[in-house]
Amino acid sequence: MKQEKKDNMVAKQRSLVIVKRNKKINKVNIVILAVGLLLTFTDYDMIGNQIIWLGIIIFVYTFGSNFIARARTRKSK
């Protein structure tokens, strides 16, 4: 029983680390999306669109990993 509780606690800590890391990534992603929009509005459409797509891909990755981490946290309770 004691080892199982320790394993659950370690798994929960890992999930919380992932969620905190993704919050930092999302802050950087907002800047990336803002730069992409700024470039798009200043007639640098090709570069701006690629940066926007990069931001969307990063957003999907962080959303998916947050979803999985939070599901693991709920499961371990």
PDB file of N, CA and C in Angstrom:
ATOM      1  N   MET A   1       0.831  -1.193   0.000  1.00  0.00           N
ATOM      2  CA  MET A   1       0.000   0.000   0.000  1.00  0.00           C
ATOM      3  C   MET A   1       0.875   1.256   0.000  1.00  0.00           C
ATOM      4  N   LYS A   2       1.946   1.236   0.754  1.00  0.00           N
ATOM      5  CA  LYS A   2       2.793   2.409   0.855  1.00  0.00           C
ATOM      6  C   LYS A   2       3.468   2.730  -0.482  1.00  0.00           C
ATOM      7  N   GLN A   3       3.939   1.705  -1.178  1.00  0.00           N
ATOM      8  CA  GLN A   3       4.596   1.907  -2.477  1.00  0.00           C
ATOM      9  C   GLN A   3       3.607   2.438  -3.506  1.00  0.00           C
ATOM     10  N   GLU A   4       2.383   1.958  -3.463  1.00  0.00           N
ATOM     11  CA  GLU A   4       1.355   2.425  -4.398  1.00  0.00           C
ATOM     12  C   GLU A   4       1.053   3.909  -4.183  1.00  0.00           C
ATOM     13  N   LYS A   5       0.984   4.303  -2.927  1.00  0.00           N
ATOM     14  CA  LYS A   5       0.727   5.704  -2.620  1.00  0.00           C
ATOM     15  C   LYS A   5       1.883   6.582  -3.101  1.00  0.00           C
ATOM     16  N   LYS A   6       3.105   6.106  -2.928  1.00  0.00           N
ATOM     17  CA  LYS A   6       4.280   6.845  -3.379  1.00  0.00           C
ATOM     18  C   LYS A   6       4.285   6.964  -4.901  1.00  0.00           C
ATOM     19  N   ASP A   7       3.940   5.898  -5.600  1.00  0.00           N
ATOM     20  CA  ASP A   7       3.877   5.924  -7.061  1.00  0.00           C
ATOM     21  C   ASP A   7       2.822   6.908  -7.554  1.00  0.00           C
ATOM     22  N   ASN A   8       1.681   6.936  -6.882  1.00  0.00           N
ATOM     23  CA  ASN A   8       0.627   7.889  -7.249  1.00  0.00           C
ATOM     24  C   ASN A   8       1.080   9.321  -7.039  1.00  0.00           C
ATOM     25  N   MET A   9       1.807   9.563  -5.949  1.00  0.00           N
ATOM     26  CA  MET A   9       2.285  10.907  -5.658  1.00  0.00           C
ATOM     27  C   MET A   9       3.321  11.358  -6.697  1.00  0.00           C
ATOM     28  N   VAL A  10       4.205  10.459  -7.101  1.00  0.00           N
ATOM     29  CA  VAL A  10       5.208  10.780  -8.114  1.00  0.00           C
ATOM     30  C   VAL A  10       4.533  11.061  -9.456  1.00  0.00           C
ATOM     31  N   ALA A  11       3.528  10.266  -9.815  1.00  0.00           N
ATOM     32  CA  ALA A  11       2.812  10.483 -11.072  1.00  0.00           C
ATOM     33  C   ALA A  11       2.091  11.825 -11.065  1.00  0.00           C
ATOM     34  N   LYS A  12       1.512  12.183  -9.931  1.00  0.00           N
ATOM     35  CA  LYS A  12       0.820  13.465  -9.818  1.00  0.00           C
ATOM     36  C   LYS A  12       1.805  14.627  -9.953  1.00  0.00           C
ATOM     37  N   GLN A  13       2.989  14.491  -9.342  1.00  0.00           N
ATOM     38  CA  GLN A  13       4.005  15.534  -9.443  1.00  0.00           C
ATOM     39  C   GLN A  13       4.479  15.703 -10.882  1.00  0.00           C
ATOM     40  N   ARG A  14       4.644  14.601 -11.601  1.00  0.00           N
ATOM     41  CA  ARG A  14       5.041  14.681 -13.009  1.00  0.00           C
ATOM     42  C   ARG A  14       3.996  15.422 -13.833  1.00  0.00           C
ATOM     43  N   SER A  15       2.740  15.115 -13.565  1.00  0.00           N
ATOM     44  CA  SER A  15       1.667  15.777 -14.301  1.00  0.00           C
ATOM     45  C   SER A  15       1.640  17.274 -14.006  1.00  0.00           C
ATOM     46  N   LEU A  16       1.859  17.637 -12.756  1.00  0.00           N
ATOM     47  CA  LEU A  16       1.861  19.054 -12.393  1.00  0.00           C
ATOM     48  C   LEU A  16       3.039  19.790 -13.037  1.00  0.00           C
ATOM     49  N   VAL A  17       4.175  19.127 -13.165  1.00  0.00           N
ATOM     50  CA  VAL A  17       5.333  19.733 -13.834  1.00  0.00           C
ATOM     51  C   VAL A  17       5.007  19.994 -15.300  1.00  0.00           C
ATOM     52  N   ILE A  18       4.320  19.051 -15.932  1.00  0.00           N
ATOM     53  CA  ILE A  18       3.939  19.215 -17.340  1.00  0.00           C
ATOM     54  C   ILE A  18       2.985  20.391 -17.498  1.00  0.00           C
ATOM     55  N   VAL A  19       2.016  20.508 -16.604  1.00  0.00           N
ATOM     56  CA  VAL A  19       1.048  21.606 -16.681  1.00  0.00           C
ATOM     57  C   VAL A  19       1.740  22.962 -16.491  1.00  0.00           C
ATOM     58  N   LYS A  20       2.670  23.047 -15.544  1.00  0.00           N
ATOM     59  CA  LYS A  20       3.395  24.300 -15.321  1.00  0.00           C
ATOM     60  C   LYS A  20       4.256  24.656 -16.530  1.00  0.00           C
ATOM     61  N   ARG A  21       4.908  23.659 -17.118  1.00  0.00           N
ATOM     62  CA  ARG A  21       5.741  23.901 -18.298  1.00  0.00           C
ATOM     63  C   ARG A  21       4.883  24.397 -19.459  1.00  0.00           C
ATOM     64  N   ASN A  22       3.711  23.811 -19.611  1.00  0.00           N
ATOM     65  CA  ASN A  22       2.829  24.211 -20.705  1.00  0.00           C
ATOM     66  C   ASN A  22       2.295  25.626 -20.518  1.00  0.00           C
ATOM     67  N   LYS A  23       2.127  26.066 -19.289  1.00  0.00           N
ATOM     68  CA  LYS A  23       1.715  27.456 -19.058  1.00  0.00           C
ATOM     69  C   LYS A  23       2.777  28.423 -19.559  1.00  0.00           C
ATOM     70  N   LYS A  24       4.046  28.087 -19.316  1.00  0.00           N
ATOM     71  CA  LYS A  24       5.141  28.927 -19.799  1.00  0.00           C
ATOM     72  C   LYS A  24       5.199  28.907 -21.325  1.00  0.00           C
ATOM     73  N   ILE A  25       4.998  27.741 -21.914  1.00  0.00           N
ATOM     74  CA  ILE A  25       5.018  27.625 -23.370  1.00  0.00           C
ATOM     75  C   ILE A  25       3.883  28.436 -23.971  1.00  0.00           C
ATOM     76  N   ASN A  26       2.718  28.430 -23.336  1.00  0.00           N
ATOM     77  CA  ASN A  26       1.583  29.193 -23.850  1.00  0.00           C
ATOM     78  C   ASN A  26       1.836  30.692 -23.821  1.00  0.00           C
ATOM     79  N   LYS A  27       2.568  31.174 -22.813  1.00  0.00           N
ATOM     80  CA  LYS A  27       2.908  32.598 -22.765  1.00  0.00           C
ATOM     81  C   LYS A  27       3.790  32.976 -23.947  1.00  0.00           C
ATOM     82  N   VAL A  28       4.762  32.136 -24.263  1.00  0.00           N
ATOM     83  CA  VAL A  28       5.628  32.379 -25.417  1.00  0.00           C
ATOM     84  C   VAL A  28       4.821  32.258 -26.706  1.00  0.00           C
ATOM     85  N   ASN A  29       3.876  31.330 -26.725  1.00  0.00           N
ATOM     86  CA  ASN A  29       3.058  31.115 -27.915  1.00  0.00           C
ATOM     87  C   ASN A  29       2.196  32.333 -28.230  1.00  0.00           C
ATOM     88  N   ILE A  30       1.726  33.022 -27.214  1.00  0.00           N
ATOM     89  CA  ILE A  30       0.948  34.237 -27.437  1.00  0.00           C
ATOM     90  C   ILE A  30       1.800  35.281 -28.151  1.00  0.00           C
ATOM     91  N   VAL A  31       3.059  35.385 -27.752  1.00  0.00           N
ATOM     92  CA  VAL A  31       3.975  36.323 -28.413  1.00  0.00           C
ATOM     93  C   VAL A  31       4.201  35.908 -29.867  1.00  0.00           C
ATOM     94  N   ILE A  32       4.366  34.609 -30.101  1.00  0.00           N
ATOM     95  CA  ILE A  32       4.569  34.104 -31.466  1.00  0.00           C
ATOM     96  C   ILE A  32       3.365  34.438 -32.338  1.00  0.00           C
ATOM     97  N   LEU A  33       2.167  34.197 -31.820  1.00  0.00           N
ATOM     98  CA  LEU A  33       0.957  34.504 -32.592  1.00  0.00           C
ATOM     99  C   LEU A  33       0.822  36.007 -32.839  1.00  0.00           C
ATOM    100  N   ALA A  34       1.170  36.818 -31.859  1.00  0.00           N
ATOM    101  CA  ALA A  34       1.093  38.272 -32.034  1.00  0.00           C
ATOM    102  C   ALA A  34       2.063  38.743 -33.110  1.00  0.00           C
ATOM    103  N   VAL A  35       3.268  38.194 -33.118  1.00  0.00           N
ATOM    104  CA  VAL A  35       4.251  38.555 -34.148  1.00  0.00           C
ATOM    105  C   VAL A  35       3.749  38.132 -35.522  1.00  0.00           C
ATOM    106  N   GLY A  36       3.168  36.946 -35.597  1.00  0.00           N
ATOM    107  CA  GLY A  36       2.615  36.474 -36.871  1.00  0.00           C
ATOM    108  C   GLY A  36       1.508  37.381 -37.386  1.00  0.00           C
ATOM    109  N   LEU A  37       0.620  37.791 -36.501  1.00  0.00           N
ATOM    110  CA  LEU A  37      -0.455  38.704 -36.913  1.00  0.00           C
ATOM    111  C   LEU A  37       0.094  40.066 -37.321  1.00  0.00           C
ATOM    112  N   LEU A  38       1.069  40.545 -36.585  1.00  0.00           N
ATOM    113  CA  LEU A  38       1.684  41.830 -36.921  1.00  0.00           C
ATOM    114  C   LEU A  38       2.342  41.782 -38.296  1.00  0.00           C
ATOM    115  N   LEU A  39       3.052  40.707 -38.572  1.00  0.00           N
ATOM    116  CA  LEU A  39       3.688  40.568 -39.888  1.00  0.00           C
ATOM    117  C   LEU A  39       2.656  40.434 -41.001  1.00  0.00           C
ATOM    118  N   THR A  40       1.558  39.754 -40.709  1.00  0.00           N
ATOM    119  CA  THR A  40       0.504  39.604 -41.712  1.00  0.00           C
ATOM    120  C   THR A  40      -0.129  40.954 -42.045  1.00  0.00           C
ATOM    121  N   PHE A  41      -0.338  41.777 -41.038  1.00  0.00           N
ATOM    122  CA  PHE A  41      -0.958  43.083 -41.276  1.00  0.00           C
ATOM    123  C   PHE A  41      -0.001  44.104 -41.882  1.00  0.00           C
ATOM    124  N   THR A  42       1.299  43.843 -41.832  1.00  0.00           N
ATOM    125  CA  THR A  42       2.269  44.775 -42.404  1.00  0.00           C
ATOM    126  C   THR A  42       2.815  44.276 -43.741  1.00  0.00           C
ATOM    127  N   ASP A  43       2.004  43.549 -44.466  1.00  0.00           N
ATOM    128  CA  ASP A  43       2.298  43.104 -45.831  1.00  0.00           C
ATOM    129  C   ASP A  43       3.456  42.111 -45.946  1.00  0.00           C
ATOM    130  N   TYR A  44       3.735  41.383 -44.891  1.00  0.00           N
ATOM    131  CA  TYR A  44       4.671  40.261 -44.954  1.00  0.00           C
ATOM    132  C   TYR A  44       3.859  38.976 -44.783  1.00  0.00           C
ATOM    133  N   ASP A  45       2.941  38.758 -45.728  1.00  0.00           N
ATOM    134  CA  ASP A  45       1.976  37.669 -45.603  1.00  0.00           C
ATOM    135  C   ASP A  45       2.614  36.288 -45.529  1.00  0.00           C
ATOM    136  N   MET A  46       3.608  36.023 -46.341  1.00  0.00           N
ATOM    137  CA  MET A  46       4.202  34.691 -46.381  1.00  0.00           C
ATOM    138  C   MET A  46       4.846  34.327 -45.040  1.00  0.00           C
ATOM    139  N   ILE A  47       5.620  35.224 -44.498  1.00  0.00           N
ATOM    140  CA  ILE A  47       6.286  34.955 -43.223  1.00  0.00           C
ATOM    141  C   ILE A  47       5.258  34.942 -42.089  1.00  0.00           C
ATOM    142  N   GLY A  48       4.347  35.888 -42.110  1.00  0.00           N
ATOM    143  CA  GLY A  48       3.323  35.979 -41.063  1.00  0.00           C
ATOM    144  C   GLY A  48       2.452  34.748 -40.992  1.00  0.00           C
ATOM    145  N   ASN A  49       2.033  34.235 -42.147  1.00  0.00           N
ATOM    146  CA  ASN A  49       1.196  33.036 -42.156  1.00  0.00           C
ATOM    147  C   ASN A  49       1.935  31.823 -41.604  1.00  0.00           C
ATOM    148  N   GLN A  50       3.203  31.691 -41.943  1.00  0.00           N
ATOM    149  CA  GLN A  50       3.976  30.560 -41.436  1.00  0.00           C
ATOM    150  C   GLN A  50       4.156  30.650 -39.921  1.00  0.00           C
ATOM    151  N   ILE A  51       4.377  31.838 -39.414  1.00  0.00           N
ATOM    152  CA  ILE A  51       4.523  32.005 -37.965  1.00  0.00           C
ATOM    153  C   ILE A  51       3.201  31.736 -37.259  1.00  0.00           C
ATOM    154  N   ILE A  52       2.102  32.154 -37.856  1.00  0.00           N
ATOM    155  CA  ILE A  52       0.790  31.873 -37.273  1.00  0.00           C
ATOM    156  C   ILE A  52       0.543  30.366 -37.224  1.00  0.00           C
ATOM    157  N   TRP A  53       0.873  29.661 -38.291  1.00  0.00           N
ATOM    158  CA  TRP A  53       0.703  28.207 -38.303  1.00  0.00           C
ATOM    159  C   TRP A  53       1.588  27.539 -37.256  1.00  0.00           C
ATOM    160  N   LEU A  54       2.801  28.054 -37.077  1.00  0.00           N
ATOM    161  CA  LEU A  54       3.678  27.536 -36.028  1.00  0.00           C
ATOM    162  C   LEU A  54       3.021  27.711 -34.661  1.00  0.00           C
ATOM    163  N   GLY A  55       2.439  28.869 -34.422  1.00  0.00           N
ATOM    164  CA  GLY A  55       1.742  29.120 -33.163  1.00  0.00           C
ATOM    165  C   GLY A  55       0.560  28.197 -32.961  1.00  0.00           C
ATOM    166  N   ILE A  56      -0.171  27.912 -34.030  1.00  0.00           N
ATOM    167  CA  ILE A  56      -1.316  27.005 -33.930  1.00  0.00           C
ATOM    168  C   ILE A  56      -0.853  25.592 -33.597  1.00  0.00           C
ATOM    169  N   ILE A  57       0.231  25.154 -34.220  1.00  0.00           N
ATOM    170  CA  ILE A  57       0.755  23.815 -33.950  1.00  0.00           C
ATOM    171  C   ILE A  57       1.229  23.709 -32.504  1.00  0.00           C
ATOM    172  N   ILE A  58       1.908  24.730 -32.013  1.00  0.00           N
ATOM    173  CA  ILE A  58       2.356  24.731 -30.616  1.00  0.00           C
ATOM    174  C   ILE A  58       1.152  24.713 -29.679  1.00  0.00           C
ATOM    175  N   PHE A  59       0.109  25.472 -30.029  1.00  0.00           N
ATOM    176  CA  PHE A  59      -1.098  25.497 -29.200  1.00  0.00           C
ATOM    177  C   PHE A  59      -1.753  24.121 -29.133  1.00  0.00           C
ATOM    178  N   VAL A  60      -1.853  23.437 -30.255  1.00  0.00           N
ATOM    179  CA  VAL A  60      -2.466  22.107 -30.277  1.00  0.00           C
ATOM    180  C   VAL A  60      -1.646  21.129 -29.438  1.00  0.00           C
ATOM    181  N   TYR A  61      -0.317  21.202 -29.547  1.00  0.00           N
ATOM    182  CA  TYR A  61       0.546  20.327 -28.750  1.00  0.00           C
ATOM    183  C   TYR A  61       0.349  20.567 -27.255  1.00  0.00           C
ATOM    184  N   THR A  62       0.382  21.832 -26.825  1.00  0.00           N
ATOM    185  CA  THR A  62       0.244  22.121 -25.400  1.00  0.00           C
ATOM    186  C   THR A  62      -1.155  21.772 -24.897  1.00  0.00           C
ATOM    187  N   PHE A  63      -2.170  21.993 -25.733  1.00  0.00           N
ATOM    188  CA  PHE A  63      -3.535  21.637 -25.343  1.00  0.00           C
ATOM    189  C   PHE A  63      -3.642  20.133 -25.129  1.00  0.00           C
ATOM    190  N   GLY A  64      -3.094  19.365 -26.057  1.00  0.00           N
ATOM    191  CA  GLY A  64      -3.153  17.903 -25.938  1.00  0.00           C
ATOM    192  C   GLY A  64      -2.388  17.383 -24.736  1.00  0.00           C
ATOM    193  N   SER A  65      -1.196  17.899 -24.502  1.00  0.00           N
ATOM    194  CA  SER A  65      -0.416  17.417 -23.365  1.00  0.00           C
ATOM    195  C   SER A  65      -1.036  17.861 -22.043  1.00  0.00           C
ATOM    196  N   ASN A  66      -1.646  19.043 -22.002  1.00  0.00           N
ATOM    197  CA  ASN A  66      -2.368  19.467 -20.794  1.00  0.00           C
ATOM    198  C   ASN A  66      -3.553  18.553 -20.529  1.00  0.00           C
ATOM    199  N   PHE A  67      -4.275  18.205 -21.569  1.00  0.00           N
ATOM    200  CA  PHE A  67      -5.435  17.326 -21.427  1.00  0.00           C
ATOM    201  C   PHE A  67      -5.014  15.967 -20.863  1.00  0.00           C
ATOM    202  N   ILE A  68      -3.937  15.414 -21.396  1.00  0.00           N
ATOM    203  CA  ILE A  68      -3.458  14.117 -20.929  1.00  0.00           C
ATOM    204  C   ILE A  68      -2.954  14.207 -19.491  1.00  0.00           C
ATOM    205  N   ALA A  69      -2.203  15.258 -19.170  1.00  0.00           N
ATOM    206  CA  ALA A  69      -1.669  15.420 -17.808  1.00  0.00           C
ATOM    207  C   ALA A  69      -2.788  15.590 -16.791  1.00  0.00           C
ATOM    208  N   ARG A  70      -3.787  16.369 -17.122  1.00  0.00           N
ATOM    209  CA  ARG A  70      -4.897  16.568 -16.177  1.00  0.00           C
ATOM    210  C   ARG A  70      -5.720  15.297 -16.021  1.00  0.00           C
ATOM    211  N   ALA A  71      -5.853  14.521 -17.086  1.00  0.00           N
ATOM    212  CA  ALA A  71      -6.568  13.249 -16.986  1.00  0.00           C
ATOM    213  C   ALA A  71      -5.814  12.280 -16.079  1.00  0.00           C
ATOM    214  N   ARG A  72      -4.503  12.259 -16.185  1.00  0.00           N
ATOM    215  CA  ARG A  72      -3.697  11.404 -15.302  1.00  0.00           C
ATOM    216  C   ARG A  72      -3.819  11.851 -13.855  1.00  0.00           C
ATOM    217  N   THR A  73      -3.859  13.164 -13.633  1.00  0.00           N
ATOM    218  CA  THR A  73      -3.992  13.683 -12.274  1.00  0.00           C
ATOM    219  C   THR A  73      -5.333  13.261 -11.671  1.00  0.00           C
ATOM    220  N   ARG A  74      -6.396  13.376 -12.446  1.00  0.00           N
ATOM    221  CA  ARG A  74      -7.713  12.964 -11.961  1.00  0.00           C
ATOM    222  C   ARG A  74      -7.772  11.466 -11.722  1.00  0.00           C
ATOM    223  N   LYS A  75      -7.103  10.716 -12.573  1.00  0.00           N
ATOM    224  CA  LYS A  75      -7.116   9.257 -12.456  1.00  0.00           C
ATOM    225  C   LYS A  75      -6.389   8.795 -11.203  1.00  0.00           C
ATOM    226  N   SER A  76      -5.321   9.496 -10.820  1.00  0.00           N
ATOM    227  CA  SER A  76      -4.529   9.077  -9.675  1.00  0.00           C
ATOM    228  C   SER A  76      -5.169   9.428  -8.329  1.00  0.00           C
ATOM    229  N   LYS A  77      -6.203  10.240  -8.339  1.00  0.00           N
ATOM    230  CA  LYS A  77      -6.856  10.624  -7.069  1.00  0.00           C
ATOM    231  C   LYS A  77      -7.643   9.499  -6.475  1.00  0.00           C
TER     232      LYS A  77
END
